[in-house]
Amino acid sequence: MRPAFLATVGALLCSLGCGYIGPVVPPSPLIPAPVLNLTVVERGDKLVTSFDTPAFTTDALGIKHFSDIDLRMGPDVRPFDFDRWTETARRYEVPLPPEGKADNPKKVAIERSIPVSEWQGKTITVAVRTSVKGEGHFSQWSNRIVLEVAPPLHPPQVSAEATAKGYRLTWAAERPGLHWEISRTSPADKKPLDIGTAEKPEYIDGTAQWDTPYEYTVVAQQGPNAESLPSKPVDANHPDTFSPSIPTEINALAGPDSVEVSWTRSPEPDLKGYLVYRSVDGGPFTAVSGVLSLPTFSDRKVEHSRTYRYAISSIDTKNNESDKSEPVAVAF
């Protein structure tokens, strides 16, 4: 058989049975991307670690399952070096997340709590890494957390009392250098609302409404990484028996046919209005107006050669009336 004929047949067979031969792709190393959001909070007597597992490998393959999660805590070393640190760092078992789908990879939130007693009084480093292929195929270490492990903070013991300015919460300071986060829950809330912070062991909630049931909790905090468990909830539900603030900055000006009286607007959200009281030539004060919604009054029932004094009170929607303001006099 001629060589040219054999070459033609070979080329034809190759065109029918051979696919395109591209470049050789090496197998994936299956190294997970590093964890980027590790956090550690000392909450009560536990060190609570939280992070999300990566969804992809370093070469963008979706991760279906993990073979290992390596969470470690150990004494901080200076200058820091991960190899030196791992020699003394303690490893903690972390349950593996359930198997996912490689074509729809998702991050999984992981939380692991460690007793504070194991590290109390020490400065430690915390880091985590993961593997999908066993020992020797770990990701890089996560972001590194360094913290001083303080003695556990106990939940504050909180009491509440109703005052004219709002509910006043008080508790004892367990130690110097603390601050506190205050939360409140009402029947309309699905979860507690953070309403403020305190640098001393008391807080006045001036935004609460009377005749509404509330629960308050307080969390003690020391620095950025240590906090207590929430206090036992304290109930507060007081009827509106407090009068609004007394009006201030009263002014009275005599005009041709009237005395024009004005004052500063009261700040209470449940304010109903104001009442104007008048004294003529040193006599007793009597009310000369109905409930006014605006902080002004025009007194047209005046006579020349008399001296008038005016005092203002405020009244709320529950008809609680304040004391009268300091009087102001005007000669007409």
C-alpha atoms as a PDB file:
ATOM      1  CA  MET A   1       0.000   0.000   0.000  1.00  0.00           C
ATOM      2  CA  ARG A   2       1.413   3.345  -0.943  1.00  0.00           C
ATOM      3  CA  PRO A   3       2.594   5.696   1.847  1.00  0.00           C
ATOM      4  CA  ALA A   4       0.608   8.634   0.470  1.00  0.00           C
ATOM      5  CA  PHE A   5      -2.578   6.564   0.609  1.00  0.00           C
ATOM      6  CA  LEU A   6      -1.903   5.513   4.209  1.00  0.00           C
ATOM      7  CA  ALA A   7      -1.343   9.121   5.221  1.00  0.00           C
ATOM      8  CA  THR A   8      -4.649  10.136   3.661  1.00  0.00           C
ATOM      9  CA  VAL A   9      -6.549   7.346   5.433  1.00  0.00           C
ATOM     10  CA  GLY A  10      -4.917   8.258   8.749  1.00  0.00           C
ATOM     11  CA  ALA A  11      -5.883  11.871   8.380  1.00  0.00           C
ATOM     12  CA  LEU A  12      -9.468  10.891   7.542  1.00  0.00           C
ATOM     13  CA  LEU A  13      -9.767   8.584  10.556  1.00  0.00           C
ATOM     14  CA  CYS A  14      -8.374  11.254  12.836  1.00  0.00           C
ATOM     15  CA  SER A  15     -10.873  13.791  11.531  1.00  0.00           C
ATOM     16  CA  LEU A  16     -13.725  11.378  12.289  1.00  0.00           C
ATOM     17  CA  GLY A  17     -12.650  10.051  15.694  1.00  0.00           C
ATOM     18  CA  CYS A  18     -10.280  12.548  17.258  1.00  0.00           C
ATOM     19  CA  GLY A  19     -11.429  15.625  19.248  1.00  0.00           C
ATOM     20  CA  TYR A  20      -9.492  18.862  19.656  1.00  0.00           C
ATOM     21  CA  ILE A  21      -6.494  18.372  21.902  1.00  0.00           C
ATOM     22  CA  GLY A  22      -6.097  21.492  24.114  1.00  0.00           C
ATOM     23  CA  PRO A  23      -3.500  22.387  26.713  1.00  0.00           C
ATOM     24  CA  VAL A  24      -3.124  20.020  29.667  1.00  0.00           C
ATOM     25  CA  VAL A  25      -4.899  21.395  32.769  1.00  0.00           C
ATOM     26  CA  PRO A  26      -3.303  20.397  36.089  1.00  0.00           C
ATOM     27  CA  PRO A  27      -5.653  19.025  38.780  1.00  0.00           C
ATOM     28  CA  SER A  28      -6.995  21.495  41.313  1.00  0.00           C
ATOM     29  CA  PRO A  29      -4.942  21.706  44.554  1.00  0.00           C
ATOM     30  CA  LEU A  30      -8.284  21.977  46.397  1.00  0.00           C
ATOM     31  CA  ILE A  31      -7.038  24.611  48.812  1.00  0.00           C
ATOM     32  CA  PRO A  32      -9.916  26.584  50.381  1.00  0.00           C
ATOM     33  CA  ALA A  33      -9.847  30.354  50.340  1.00  0.00           C
ATOM     34  CA  PRO A  34      -8.951  31.728  53.789  1.00  0.00           C
ATOM     35  CA  VAL A  35     -11.544  32.725  56.382  1.00  0.00           C
ATOM     36  CA  LEU A  36     -11.732  36.520  56.424  1.00  0.00           C
ATOM     37  CA  ASN A  37     -14.255  37.362  59.152  1.00  0.00           C
ATOM     38  CA  LEU A  38     -13.165  35.589  62.334  1.00  0.00           C
ATOM     39  CA  THR A  39     -14.396  37.359  65.487  1.00  0.00           C
ATOM     40  CA  VAL A  40     -13.879  36.525  69.149  1.00  0.00           C
ATOM     41  CA  VAL A  41     -15.946  37.983  71.991  1.00  0.00           C
ATOM     42  CA  GLU A  42     -15.525  37.243  75.669  1.00  0.00           C
ATOM     43  CA  ARG A  43     -19.184  36.881  76.671  1.00  0.00           C
ATOM     44  CA  GLY A  44     -19.681  35.995  80.313  1.00  0.00           C
ATOM     45  CA  ASP A  45     -17.466  32.996  81.083  1.00  0.00           C
ATOM     46  CA  LYS A  46     -17.071  31.953  77.434  1.00  0.00           C
ATOM     47  CA  LEU A  47     -14.841  32.989  74.540  1.00  0.00           C
ATOM     48  CA  VAL A  48     -17.281  32.946  71.625  1.00  0.00           C
ATOM     49  CA  THR A  49     -15.606  32.506  68.221  1.00  0.00           C
ATOM     50  CA  SER A  50     -17.587  33.138  65.033  1.00  0.00           C
ATOM     51  CA  PHE A  51     -16.705  32.936  61.336  1.00  0.00           C
ATOM     52  CA  ASP A  52     -18.029  31.899  57.914  1.00  0.00           C
ATOM     53  CA  THR A  53     -16.561  28.955  56.061  1.00  0.00           C
ATOM     54  CA  PRO A  54     -15.324  29.828  52.556  1.00  0.00           C
ATOM     55  CA  ALA A  55     -17.547  28.902  49.620  1.00  0.00           C
ATOM     56  CA  PHE A  56     -14.735  28.462  47.053  1.00  0.00           C
ATOM     57  CA  THR A  57     -11.224  27.142  46.700  1.00  0.00           C
ATOM     58  CA  THR A  58      -8.351  29.412  45.758  1.00  0.00           C
ATOM     59  CA  ASP A  59      -8.903  28.442  42.101  1.00  0.00           C
ATOM     60  CA  ALA A  60     -12.630  29.283  42.236  1.00  0.00           C
ATOM     61  CA  LEU A  61     -14.047  25.772  42.550  1.00  0.00           C
ATOM     62  CA  GLY A  62     -17.180  25.459  44.671  1.00  0.00           C
ATOM     63  CA  ILE A  63     -16.656  23.653  47.988  1.00  0.00           C
ATOM     64  CA  LYS A  64     -19.056  20.785  48.646  1.00  0.00           C
ATOM     65  CA  HIS A  65     -17.745  19.552  51.980  1.00  0.00           C
ATOM     66  CA  PHE A  66     -14.899  20.140  54.443  1.00  0.00           C
ATOM     67  CA  SER A  67     -12.585  17.499  55.795  1.00  0.00           C
ATOM     68  CA  ASP A  68     -11.236  19.609  58.672  1.00  0.00           C
ATOM     69  CA  ILE A  69     -11.618  22.924  60.494  1.00  0.00           C
ATOM     70  CA  ASP A  70      -8.551  23.877  62.513  1.00  0.00           C
ATOM     71  CA  LEU A  71      -9.463  26.447  65.208  1.00  0.00           C
ATOM     72  CA  ARG A  72      -6.651  27.378  67.558  1.00  0.00           C
ATOM     73  CA  MET A  73      -5.978  29.591  70.555  1.00  0.00           C
ATOM     74  CA  GLY A  74      -2.538  30.153  71.980  1.00  0.00           C
ATOM     75  CA  PRO A  75      -0.315  32.651  73.769  1.00  0.00           C
ATOM     76  CA  ASP A  76       0.530  35.634  71.578  1.00  0.00           C
ATOM     77  CA  VAL A  77       4.144  35.722  70.364  1.00  0.00           C
ATOM     78  CA  ARG A  78       6.175  38.798  69.404  1.00  0.00           C
ATOM     79  CA  PRO A  79       7.257  39.221  66.709  1.00  0.00           C
ATOM     80  CA  PHE A  80       4.357  37.146  65.543  1.00  0.00           C
ATOM     81  CA  ASP A  81       4.968  34.130  63.363  1.00  0.00           C
ATOM     82  CA  PHE A  82       2.316  31.506  62.620  1.00  0.00           C
ATOM     83  CA  ASP A  83       4.823  28.634  62.710  1.00  0.00           C
ATOM     84  CA  ARG A  84       6.058  29.632  66.176  1.00  0.00           C
ATOM     85  CA  TRP A  85       2.531  30.242  67.397  1.00  0.00           C
ATOM     86  CA  THR A  86       1.174  26.826  66.258  1.00  0.00           C
ATOM     87  CA  GLU A  87       3.848  25.067  68.348  1.00  0.00           C
ATOM     88  CA  THR A  88       2.055  26.088  71.562  1.00  0.00           C
ATOM     89  CA  ALA A  89      -1.460  26.933  70.339  1.00  0.00           C
ATOM     90  CA  ARG A  90      -4.236  24.659  71.512  1.00  0.00           C
ATOM     91  CA  ARG A  91      -6.513  23.133  68.899  1.00  0.00           C
ATOM     92  CA  TYR A  92     -10.287  22.968  69.447  1.00  0.00           C
ATOM     93  CA  GLU A  93     -12.651  20.603  67.696  1.00  0.00           C
ATOM     94  CA  VAL A  94     -15.233  22.295  65.491  1.00  0.00           C
ATOM     95  CA  PRO A  95     -18.218  20.370  64.062  1.00  0.00           C
ATOM     96  CA  LEU A  96     -18.096  20.282  60.276  1.00  0.00           C
ATOM     97  CA  PRO A  97     -20.960  21.978  58.414  1.00  0.00           C
ATOM     98  CA  PRO A  98     -23.393  19.779  56.466  1.00  0.00           C
ATOM     99  CA  GLU A  99     -22.472  18.846  52.920  1.00  0.00           C
ATOM    100  CA  GLY A 100     -23.466  21.434  50.332  1.00  0.00           C
ATOM    101  CA  LYS A 101     -23.698  21.609  46.576  1.00  0.00           C
ATOM    102  CA  ALA A 102     -20.581  22.242  44.513  1.00  0.00           C
ATOM    103  CA  ASP A 103     -22.636  23.974  41.813  1.00  0.00           C
ATOM    104  CA  ASN A 104     -24.260  26.287  44.393  1.00  0.00           C
ATOM    105  CA  PRO A 105     -21.629  26.854  47.081  1.00  0.00           C
ATOM    106  CA  LYS A 106     -22.550  28.916  50.128  1.00  0.00           C
ATOM    107  CA  LYS A 107     -20.780  30.191  53.195  1.00  0.00           C
ATOM    108  CA  VAL A 108     -21.800  28.563  56.466  1.00  0.00           C
ATOM    109  CA  ALA A 109     -21.778  30.436  59.784  1.00  0.00           C
ATOM    110  CA  ILE A 110     -19.804  28.622  62.490  1.00  0.00           C
ATOM    111  CA  GLU A 111     -19.764  29.404  66.220  1.00  0.00           C
ATOM    112  CA  ARG A 112     -17.666  27.711  68.913  1.00  0.00           C
ATOM    113  CA  SER A 113     -17.462  28.643  72.600  1.00  0.00           C
ATOM    114  CA  ILE A 114     -14.383  28.066  74.780  1.00  0.00           C
ATOM    115  CA  PRO A 115     -14.277  28.440  78.611  1.00  0.00           C
ATOM    116  CA  VAL A 116     -12.628  31.699  79.682  1.00  0.00           C
ATOM    117  CA  SER A 117     -10.975  29.854  82.578  1.00  0.00           C
ATOM    118  CA  GLU A 118      -8.538  28.192  80.174  1.00  0.00           C
ATOM    119  CA  TRP A 119      -6.997  31.563  79.180  1.00  0.00           C
ATOM    120  CA  GLN A 120      -7.972  34.075  81.885  1.00  0.00           C
ATOM    121  CA  GLY A 121      -5.314  36.728  82.507  1.00  0.00           C
ATOM    122  CA  LYS A 122      -3.392  35.941  79.313  1.00  0.00           C
ATOM    123  CA  THR A 123      -2.966  37.691  75.975  1.00  0.00           C
ATOM    124  CA  ILE A 124      -3.829  35.207  73.263  1.00  0.00           C
ATOM    125  CA  THR A 125      -4.000  34.898  69.497  1.00  0.00           C
ATOM    126  CA  VAL A 126      -6.924  33.143  67.808  1.00  0.00           C
ATOM    127  CA  ALA A 127      -6.976  31.966  64.183  1.00  0.00           C
ATOM    128  CA  VAL A 128      -8.700  29.342  62.039  1.00  0.00           C
ATOM    129  CA  ARG A 129      -8.067  27.500  58.774  1.00  0.00           C
ATOM    130  CA  THR A 130      -9.977  24.868  56.795  1.00  0.00           C
ATOM    131  CA  SER A 131      -9.311  21.900  54.544  1.00  0.00           C
ATOM    132  CA  VAL A 132     -11.301  19.924  51.983  1.00  0.00           C
ATOM    133  CA  LYS A 133      -8.614  17.344  51.222  1.00  0.00           C
ATOM    134  CA  GLY A 134      -7.196  16.377  54.579  1.00  0.00           C
ATOM    135  CA  GLU A 135      -3.910  17.112  56.321  1.00  0.00           C
ATOM    136  CA  GLY A 136      -1.402  19.073  54.274  1.00  0.00           C
ATOM    137  CA  HIS A 137      -4.039  20.871  52.201  1.00  0.00           C
ATOM    138  CA  PHE A 138      -5.117  23.578  54.646  1.00  0.00           C
ATOM    139  CA  SER A 139      -6.033  27.085  53.611  1.00  0.00           C
ATOM    140  CA  GLN A 140      -3.990  30.026  54.774  1.00  0.00           C
ATOM    141  CA  TRP A 141      -4.718  31.140  58.323  1.00  0.00           C
ATOM    142  CA  SER A 142      -7.619  33.515  58.797  1.00  0.00           C
ATOM    143  CA  ASN A 143      -7.437  37.063  60.032  1.00  0.00           C
ATOM    144  CA  ARG A 144      -5.700  36.988  63.409  1.00  0.00           C
ATOM    145  CA  ILE A 145      -7.486  38.043  66.623  1.00  0.00           C
ATOM    146  CA  VAL A 146      -5.398  39.187  69.594  1.00  0.00           C
ATOM    147  CA  LEU A 147      -7.132  39.813  72.908  1.00  0.00           C
ATOM    148  CA  GLU A 148      -6.449  40.063  76.615  1.00  0.00           C
ATOM    149  CA  VAL A 149      -8.707  37.608  78.422  1.00  0.00           C
ATOM    150  CA  ALA A 150     -10.203  39.423  81.418  1.00  0.00           C
ATOM    151  CA  PRO A 151     -12.023  37.928  84.415  1.00  0.00           C
ATOM    152  CA  PRO A 152     -15.620  37.174  83.365  1.00  0.00           C
ATOM    153  CA  LEU A 153     -18.155  39.987  83.732  1.00  0.00           C
ATOM    154  CA  HIS A 154     -21.367  39.132  85.561  1.00  0.00           C
ATOM    155  CA  PRO A 155     -24.794  40.332  84.379  1.00  0.00           C
ATOM    156  CA  PRO A 156     -25.722  43.634  86.068  1.00  0.00           C
ATOM    157  CA  GLN A 157     -28.567  43.647  88.590  1.00  0.00           C
ATOM    158  CA  VAL A 158     -30.830  46.413  87.290  1.00  0.00           C
ATOM    159  CA  SER A 159     -33.653  48.337  88.935  1.00  0.00           C
ATOM    160  CA  ALA A 160     -36.025  50.842  87.285  1.00  0.00           C
ATOM    161  CA  GLU A 161     -37.970  53.789  88.653  1.00  0.00           C
ATOM    162  CA  ALA A 162     -40.287  56.270  86.974  1.00  0.00           C
ATOM    163  CA  THR A 163     -39.188  59.916  87.057  1.00  0.00           C
ATOM    164  CA  ALA A 164     -40.450  63.052  85.375  1.00  0.00           C
ATOM    165  CA  LYS A 165     -37.631  62.722  82.824  1.00  0.00           C
ATOM    166  CA  GLY A 166     -38.356  59.068  82.009  1.00  0.00           C
ATOM    167  CA  TYR A 167     -37.471  55.656  83.385  1.00  0.00           C
ATOM    168  CA  ARG A 168     -34.251  55.768  85.411  1.00  0.00           C
ATOM    169  CA  LEU A 169     -32.258  52.512  85.350  1.00  0.00           C
ATOM    170  CA  THR A 170     -29.551  51.908  87.955  1.00  0.00           C
ATOM    171  CA  TRP A 171     -27.134  49.077  88.753  1.00  0.00           C
ATOM    172  CA  ALA A 172     -23.815  48.523  90.513  1.00  0.00           C
ATOM    173  CA  ALA A 173     -20.480  48.784  88.667  1.00  0.00           C
ATOM    174  CA  GLU A 174     -18.625  45.490  89.015  1.00  0.00           C
ATOM    175  CA  ARG A 175     -15.210  47.077  88.414  1.00  0.00           C
ATOM    176  CA  PRO A 176     -13.699  50.333  87.103  1.00  0.00           C
ATOM    177  CA  GLY A 177     -13.366  51.027  83.399  1.00  0.00           C
ATOM    178  CA  LEU A 178     -16.676  49.532  82.268  1.00  0.00           C
ATOM    179  CA  HIS A 179     -19.404  50.886  80.025  1.00  0.00           C
ATOM    180  CA  TRP A 180     -22.881  49.526  79.399  1.00  0.00           C
ATOM    181  CA  GLU A 181     -25.288  48.852  76.525  1.00  0.00           C
ATOM    182  CA  ILE A 182     -29.009  49.317  77.260  1.00  0.00           C
ATOM    183  CA  SER A 183     -31.794  47.508  75.390  1.00  0.00           C
ATOM    184  CA  ARG A 184     -35.564  47.851  75.594  1.00  0.00           C
ATOM    185  CA  THR A 185     -38.480  45.685  74.458  1.00  0.00           C
ATOM    186  CA  SER A 186     -42.114  46.739  74.103  1.00  0.00           C
ATOM    187  CA  PRO A 187     -45.128  44.693  72.922  1.00  0.00           C
ATOM    188  CA  ALA A 188     -44.647  46.151  69.428  1.00  0.00           C
ATOM    189  CA  ASP A 189     -41.019  44.974  69.159  1.00  0.00           C
ATOM    190  CA  LYS A 190     -40.062  41.609  67.707  1.00  0.00           C
ATOM    191  CA  LYS A 191     -36.628  41.795  69.324  1.00  0.00           C
ATOM    192  CA  PRO A 192     -34.889  44.065  71.861  1.00  0.00           C
ATOM    193  CA  LEU A 193     -33.932  47.528  70.611  1.00  0.00           C
ATOM    194  CA  ASP A 194     -30.565  49.044  71.482  1.00  0.00           C
ATOM    195  CA  ILE A 195     -31.537  52.432  72.905  1.00  0.00           C
ATOM    196  CA  GLY A 196     -28.274  53.805  74.285  1.00  0.00           C
ATOM    197  CA  THR A 197     -24.985  53.441  76.109  1.00  0.00           C
ATOM    198  CA  ALA A 198     -23.847  54.597  79.546  1.00  0.00           C
ATOM    199  CA  GLU A 199     -20.431  55.472  80.921  1.00  0.00           C
ATOM    200  CA  LYS A 200     -21.689  55.340  84.512  1.00  0.00           C
ATOM    201  CA  PRO A 201     -24.068  52.843  86.175  1.00  0.00           C
ATOM    202  CA  GLU A 202     -27.309  54.646  85.408  1.00  0.00           C
ATOM    203  CA  TYR A 203     -29.393  55.550  82.372  1.00  0.00           C
ATOM    204  CA  ILE A 204     -32.545  57.638  81.855  1.00  0.00           C
ATOM    205  CA  ASP A 205     -34.808  56.566  79.009  1.00  0.00           C
ATOM    206  CA  GLY A 206     -36.466  59.807  77.974  1.00  0.00           C
ATOM    207  CA  THR A 207     -38.024  58.252  74.857  1.00  0.00           C
ATOM    208  CA  ALA A 208     -40.343  55.808  76.648  1.00  0.00           C
ATOM    209  CA  GLN A 209     -44.091  56.413  76.707  1.00  0.00           C
ATOM    210  CA  TRP A 210     -46.084  56.168  79.906  1.00  0.00           C
ATOM    211  CA  ASP A 211     -48.843  53.540  80.178  1.00  0.00           C
ATOM    212  CA  THR A 212     -46.789  51.211  77.972  1.00  0.00           C
ATOM    213  CA  PRO A 213     -45.155  48.012  79.297  1.00  0.00           C
ATOM    214  CA  TYR A 214     -41.393  47.700  78.726  1.00  0.00           C
ATOM    215  CA  GLU A 215     -38.601  45.275  79.559  1.00  0.00           C
ATOM    216  CA  TYR A 216     -35.070  46.587  79.994  1.00  0.00           C
ATOM    217  CA  THR A 217     -31.784  44.675  79.890  1.00  0.00           C
ATOM    218  CA  VAL A 218     -28.244  45.924  80.415  1.00  0.00           C
ATOM    219  CA  VAL A 219     -24.949  44.404  79.206  1.00  0.00           C
ATOM    220  CA  ALA A 220     -21.655  45.364  80.870  1.00  0.00           C
ATOM    221  CA  GLN A 221     -18.672  45.810  78.530  1.00  0.00           C
ATOM    222  CA  GLN A 222     -14.940  46.116  79.051  1.00  0.00           C
ATOM    223  CA  GLY A 223     -12.954  47.275  76.044  1.00  0.00           C
ATOM    224  CA  PRO A 224     -13.893  46.032  72.574  1.00  0.00           C
ATOM    225  CA  ASN A 225     -13.923  42.275  73.248  1.00  0.00           C
ATOM    226  CA  ALA A 226     -15.359  41.530  76.708  1.00  0.00           C
ATOM    227  CA  GLU A 227     -18.985  41.701  77.784  1.00  0.00           C
ATOM    228  CA  SER A 228     -21.380  40.165  80.279  1.00  0.00           C
ATOM    229  CA  LEU A 229     -24.484  38.208  79.503  1.00  0.00           C
ATOM    230  CA  PRO A 230     -27.609  40.409  79.483  1.00  0.00           C
ATOM    231  CA  SER A 231     -29.071  41.300  82.854  1.00  0.00           C
ATOM    232  CA  LYS A 232     -32.292  39.741  84.027  1.00  0.00           C
ATOM    233  CA  PRO A 233     -35.104  41.735  82.337  1.00  0.00           C
ATOM    234  CA  VAL A 234     -36.648  44.414  84.549  1.00  0.00           C
ATOM    235  CA  ASP A 235     -40.273  45.414  83.925  1.00  0.00           C
ATOM    236  CA  ALA A 236     -41.500  49.017  83.761  1.00  0.00           C
ATOM    237  CA  ASN A 237     -45.068  50.201  83.195  1.00  0.00           C
ATOM    238  CA  HIS A 238     -46.010  53.455  84.925  1.00  0.00           C
ATOM    239  CA  PRO A 239     -49.144  55.540  84.374  1.00  0.00           C
ATOM    240  CA  ASP A 240     -48.699  59.095  83.132  1.00  0.00           C
ATOM    241  CA  THR A 241     -48.840  61.056  86.374  1.00  0.00           C
ATOM    242  CA  PHE A 242     -46.025  63.474  85.564  1.00  0.00           C
ATOM    243  CA  SER A 243     -46.775  67.005  84.484  1.00  0.00           C
ATOM    244  CA  PRO A 244     -44.983  68.681  81.565  1.00  0.00           C
ATOM    245  CA  SER A 245     -42.145  71.119  82.134  1.00  0.00           C
ATOM    246  CA  ILE A 246     -42.933  74.639  83.300  1.00  0.00           C
ATOM    247  CA  PRO A 247     -42.914  77.166  80.436  1.00  0.00           C
ATOM    248  CA  THR A 248     -39.971  79.569  80.399  1.00  0.00           C
ATOM    249  CA  GLU A 249     -38.902  82.896  78.901  1.00  0.00           C
ATOM    250  CA  ILE A 250     -42.267  84.611  79.379  1.00  0.00           C
ATOM    251  CA  ASN A 251     -42.582  88.001  77.634  1.00  0.00           C
ATOM    252  CA  ALA A 252     -45.451  90.521  77.878  1.00  0.00           C
ATOM    253  CA  LEU A 253     -45.613  93.646  75.682  1.00  0.00           C
ATOM    254  CA  ALA A 254     -48.259  96.378  75.924  1.00  0.00           C
ATOM    255  CA  GLY A 255     -49.782  97.391  72.592  1.00  0.00           C
ATOM    256  CA  PRO A 256     -52.392 100.047  71.722  1.00  0.00           C
ATOM    257  CA  ASP A 257     -55.371  97.827  72.584  1.00  0.00           C
ATOM    258  CA  SER A 258     -53.919  94.599  74.026  1.00  0.00           C
ATOM    259  CA  VAL A 259     -51.109  92.916  75.895  1.00  0.00           C
ATOM    260  CA  GLU A 260     -49.216  90.374  73.772  1.00  0.00           C
ATOM    261  CA  VAL A 261     -47.804  87.456  75.772  1.00  0.00           C
ATOM    262  CA  SER A 262     -45.350  84.830  74.438  1.00  0.00           C
ATOM    263  CA  TRP A 263     -43.119  82.082  75.861  1.00  0.00           C
ATOM    264  CA  THR A 264     -40.835  79.227  74.835  1.00  0.00           C
ATOM    265  CA  ARG A 265     -42.464  76.087  73.414  1.00  0.00           C
ATOM    266  CA  SER A 266     -42.394  73.074  75.762  1.00  0.00           C
ATOM    267  CA  PRO A 267     -40.516  69.987  74.470  1.00  0.00           C
ATOM    268  CA  GLU A 268     -42.754  67.122  75.689  1.00  0.00           C
ATOM    269  CA  PRO A 269     -44.121  64.891  72.888  1.00  0.00           C
ATOM    270  CA  ASP A 270     -47.453  64.417  74.732  1.00  0.00           C
ATOM    271  CA  LEU A 271     -48.026  68.144  75.243  1.00  0.00           C
ATOM    272  CA  LYS A 272     -51.656  69.206  74.872  1.00  0.00           C
ATOM    273  CA  GLY A 273     -51.194  72.956  75.264  1.00  0.00           C
ATOM    274  CA  TYR A 274     -50.892  75.894  77.661  1.00  0.00           C
ATOM    275  CA  LEU A 275     -53.025  77.833  80.150  1.00  0.00           C
ATOM    276  CA  VAL A 276     -52.592  81.569  80.773  1.00  0.00           C
ATOM    277  CA  TYR A 277     -53.148  83.024  84.237  1.00  0.00           C
ATOM    278  CA  ARG A 278     -53.458  86.754  84.949  1.00  0.00           C
ATOM    279  CA  SER A 279     -53.282  88.979  88.047  1.00  0.00           C
ATOM    280  CA  VAL A 280     -54.665  92.559  87.987  1.00  0.00           C
ATOM    281  CA  ASP A 281     -53.046  95.191  90.238  1.00  0.00           C
ATOM    282  CA  GLY A 282     -51.536  92.572  92.549  1.00  0.00           C
ATOM    283  CA  GLY A 283     -54.688  90.487  92.920  1.00  0.00           C
ATOM    284  CA  PRO A 284     -54.937  86.699  92.700  1.00  0.00           C
ATOM    285  CA  PHE A 285     -54.098  84.817  89.502  1.00  0.00           C
ATOM    286  CA  THR A 286     -57.070  83.528  87.529  1.00  0.00           C
ATOM    287  CA  ALA A 287     -57.215  81.625  84.234  1.00  0.00           C
ATOM    288  CA  VAL A 288     -57.925  83.898  81.258  1.00  0.00           C
ATOM    289  CA  SER A 289     -57.583  81.383  78.436  1.00  0.00           C
ATOM    290  CA  GLY A 290     -58.634  77.952  77.365  1.00  0.00           C
ATOM    291  CA  VAL A 291     -56.005  75.403  76.353  1.00  0.00           C
ATOM    292  CA  LEU A 292     -53.763  77.083  73.780  1.00  0.00           C
ATOM    293  CA  SER A 293     -51.875  75.007  71.226  1.00  0.00           C
ATOM    294  CA  LEU A 294     -49.419  77.815  70.380  1.00  0.00           C
ATOM    295  CA  PRO A 295     -47.078  79.603  72.829  1.00  0.00           C
ATOM    296  CA  THR A 296     -48.737  83.010  72.358  1.00  0.00           C
ATOM    297  CA  PHE A 297     -51.715  84.866  73.854  1.00  0.00           C
ATOM    298  CA  SER A 298     -53.320  88.195  72.998  1.00  0.00           C
ATOM    299  CA  ASP A 299     -55.088  89.728  76.013  1.00  0.00           C
ATOM    300  CA  ARG A 300     -57.634  92.276  74.751  1.00  0.00           C
ATOM    301  CA  LYS A 301     -59.625  92.528  78.000  1.00  0.00           C
ATOM    302  CA  VAL A 302     -57.308  95.137  79.477  1.00  0.00           C
ATOM    303  CA  GLU A 303     -57.760  98.667  80.806  1.00  0.00           C
ATOM    304  CA  HIS A 304     -55.325 101.531  80.882  1.00  0.00           C
ATOM    305  CA  SER A 305     -53.629 102.570  84.133  1.00  0.00           C
ATOM    306  CA  ARG A 306     -53.583  99.013  85.431  1.00  0.00           C
ATOM    307  CA  THR A 307     -50.714  96.625  86.031  1.00  0.00           C
ATOM    308  CA  TYR A 308     -51.061  93.082  84.767  1.00  0.00           C
ATOM    309  CA  ARG A 309     -49.012  90.043  85.676  1.00  0.00           C
ATOM    310  CA  TYR A 310     -49.036  86.852  83.576  1.00  0.00           C
ATOM    311  CA  ALA A 311     -47.998  83.279  84.424  1.00  0.00           C
ATOM    312  CA  ILE A 312     -48.169  80.250  82.108  1.00  0.00           C
ATOM    313  CA  SER A 313     -48.606  76.541  82.789  1.00  0.00           C
ATOM    314  CA  SER A 314     -48.405  73.589  80.388  1.00  0.00           C
ATOM    315  CA  ILE A 315     -50.788  70.634  80.234  1.00  0.00           C
ATOM    316  CA  ASP A 316     -50.407  67.202  78.608  1.00  0.00           C
ATOM    317  CA  THR A 317     -52.842  64.814  76.940  1.00  0.00           C
ATOM    318  CA  LYS A 318     -53.573  63.148  80.319  1.00  0.00           C
ATOM    319  CA  ASN A 319     -54.493  66.590  81.731  1.00  0.00           C
ATOM    320  CA  ASN A 320     -51.465  66.702  83.999  1.00  0.00           C
ATOM    321  CA  GLU A 321     -50.749  70.387  84.544  1.00  0.00           C
ATOM    322  CA  SER A 322     -47.379  71.883  85.414  1.00  0.00           C
ATOM    323  CA  ASP A 323     -46.780  74.542  88.026  1.00  0.00           C
ATOM    324  CA  LYS A 324     -47.137  78.143  86.886  1.00  0.00           C
ATOM    325  CA  SER A 325     -44.144  79.898  85.433  1.00  0.00           C
ATOM    326  CA  GLU A 326     -42.453  82.861  87.072  1.00  0.00           C
ATOM    327  CA  PRO A 327     -44.839  85.803  86.486  1.00  0.00           C
ATOM    328  CA  VAL A 328     -43.991  88.732  84.260  1.00  0.00           C
ATOM    329  CA  ALA A 329     -45.536  92.200  84.823  1.00  0.00           C
ATOM    330  CA  VAL A 330     -46.537  94.907  82.381  1.00  0.00           C
ATOM    331  CA  ALA A 331     -48.137  98.344  82.966  1.00  0.00           C
ATOM    332  CA  PHE A 332     -50.861  99.112  80.466  1.00  0.00           C
END
